[in-house]
Protein backbone atom coordinates (compact mmCIF):
# COMPACT_ATOMS: atom_id res chain seq x y z
CA MET A 1 36.89 -35.24 31.99
CA ASN A 2 34.28 -33.16 31.76
CA GLY A 3 31.81 -34.00 29.41
CA ALA A 4 30.72 -30.44 28.36
CA PRO A 5 33.24 -27.73 28.82
CA GLU A 6 32.26 -24.58 31.03
CA PRO A 7 31.06 -21.41 29.25
CA SER A 8 33.68 -18.86 30.08
CA GLN A 9 36.22 -21.52 28.04
CA THR A 10 34.34 -22.01 25.12
CA VAL A 11 34.45 -17.72 25.20
CA GLN A 12 38.22 -17.64 25.92
CA ARG A 13 38.63 -20.35 22.89
CA VAL A 14 36.96 -18.37 20.73
CA LYS A 15 38.91 -15.24 21.68
CA VAL A 16 41.88 -16.51 20.99
CA GLY A 17 41.45 -18.44 17.94
CA MET A 18 40.10 -14.55 16.78
CA ILE A 19 43.04 -13.19 18.28
CA GLY A 20 45.53 -15.96 16.49
CA LEU A 21 42.87 -15.39 12.65
CA ALA A 22 43.77 -11.43 13.02
CA ALA A 23 47.42 -11.85 13.89
CA VAL A 24 47.68 -14.36 10.80
CA VAL A 25 46.12 -11.70 8.52
CA LEU A 26 48.26 -8.65 9.73
CA LEU A 27 51.20 -10.87 9.05
CA ILE A 28 50.18 -11.96 5.53
CA ALA A 29 49.59 -7.60 5.14
CA LEU A 30 52.71 -7.16 6.40
CA ALA A 31 54.54 -9.31 3.98
CA SER A 32 52.63 -8.58 1.22
CA ALA A 33 53.16 -4.69 1.49
CA ILE A 34 56.85 -5.60 2.00
CA ILE A 35 57.11 -7.59 -1.15
CA GLY A 36 55.25 -5.14 -2.84
CA SER A 37 57.75 -2.60 -2.41
CA VAL A 38 60.64 -4.76 -2.94
CA THR A 39 59.80 -5.78 -6.35
CA ARG A 40 58.47 -2.43 -7.73
CA GLU A 41 60.55 -1.87 -10.47
CA ARG A 42 62.87 1.65 -10.36
CA PRO A 43 64.19 3.46 -13.54
CA VAL A 44 68.13 2.85 -13.67
CA PRO A 45 69.69 5.68 -14.63
CA GLY A 46 71.02 6.35 -17.57
CA ALA A 47 68.58 3.31 -19.28
CA ALA A 48 66.36 3.90 -22.40
CA GLN A 49 63.18 4.80 -22.13
CA ALA A 50 60.60 2.45 -23.58
CA ASN A 51 57.97 4.87 -25.01
CA LEU A 52 60.89 6.91 -26.76
CA VAL A 53 62.86 4.05 -27.64
CA ALA A 54 59.29 2.93 -29.36
CA GLU A 55 58.74 6.58 -31.10
CA ILE A 56 62.00 6.82 -32.38
CA ALA A 57 61.85 3.27 -33.93
CA ALA A 58 58.20 3.72 -35.48
CA GLY A 59 59.73 7.21 -36.90
CA ASN A 60 62.58 5.49 -38.45
CA SER A 61 60.44 2.51 -40.05
CA VAL A 62 57.85 4.88 -41.88
CA ALA A 63 60.78 7.18 -43.20
CA ALA A 64 62.82 4.59 -44.71
CA ALA A 65 59.86 3.00 -46.20
CA PRO A 66 56.72 4.03 -47.09
CA ALA A 67 52.95 2.46 -46.36
CA THR A 68 52.20 -0.10 -48.98
CA GLY A 69 49.61 -2.11 -47.10
CA GLU A 70 52.29 -4.80 -46.38
CA PRO A 71 52.90 -5.34 -42.72
CA LEU A 72 55.37 -8.00 -43.72
CA ALA A 73 57.21 -6.09 -46.50
CA GLU A 74 58.00 -3.03 -44.49
CA MET A 75 59.62 -5.00 -41.42
CA GLY A 76 61.58 -6.87 -44.33
CA VAL A 77 60.31 -9.69 -43.49
CA ALA A 78 58.65 -10.70 -47.12
CA PRO A 79 59.62 -8.99 -50.46
CA SER A 80 57.27 -6.47 -51.37
CA THR A 81 54.66 -6.76 -54.20
CA ALA A 82 55.60 -3.65 -55.75
CA ASN A 83 59.10 -4.65 -56.11
CA SER A 84 58.67 -8.26 -57.44
CA GLN A 85 56.20 -6.42 -60.44
CA ALA A 86 59.01 -3.50 -61.17
CA ALA A 87 61.48 -6.06 -62.02
CA ALA A 88 59.14 -8.16 -63.96
CA GLN A 89 58.83 -5.64 -66.12
């Protein structure tokens, strides 16, 4: 066992370490690209489109109940104060 390694061995070890580090980084990048392409959501043929459904739902709720400034009453969660006032009179 020598006390100090030769400079050529040190350079070789540094090169091997850098190549190993580069290989690990490339493998991680490749795995990330593969996983990203697999998990990317693809539209299903014949499935409802979210933006179209939202527009239709918003259009129906506005036509069914006039805007009274009571969002809970418009959703049907709580009774409207206009209905309770009309019933009291």
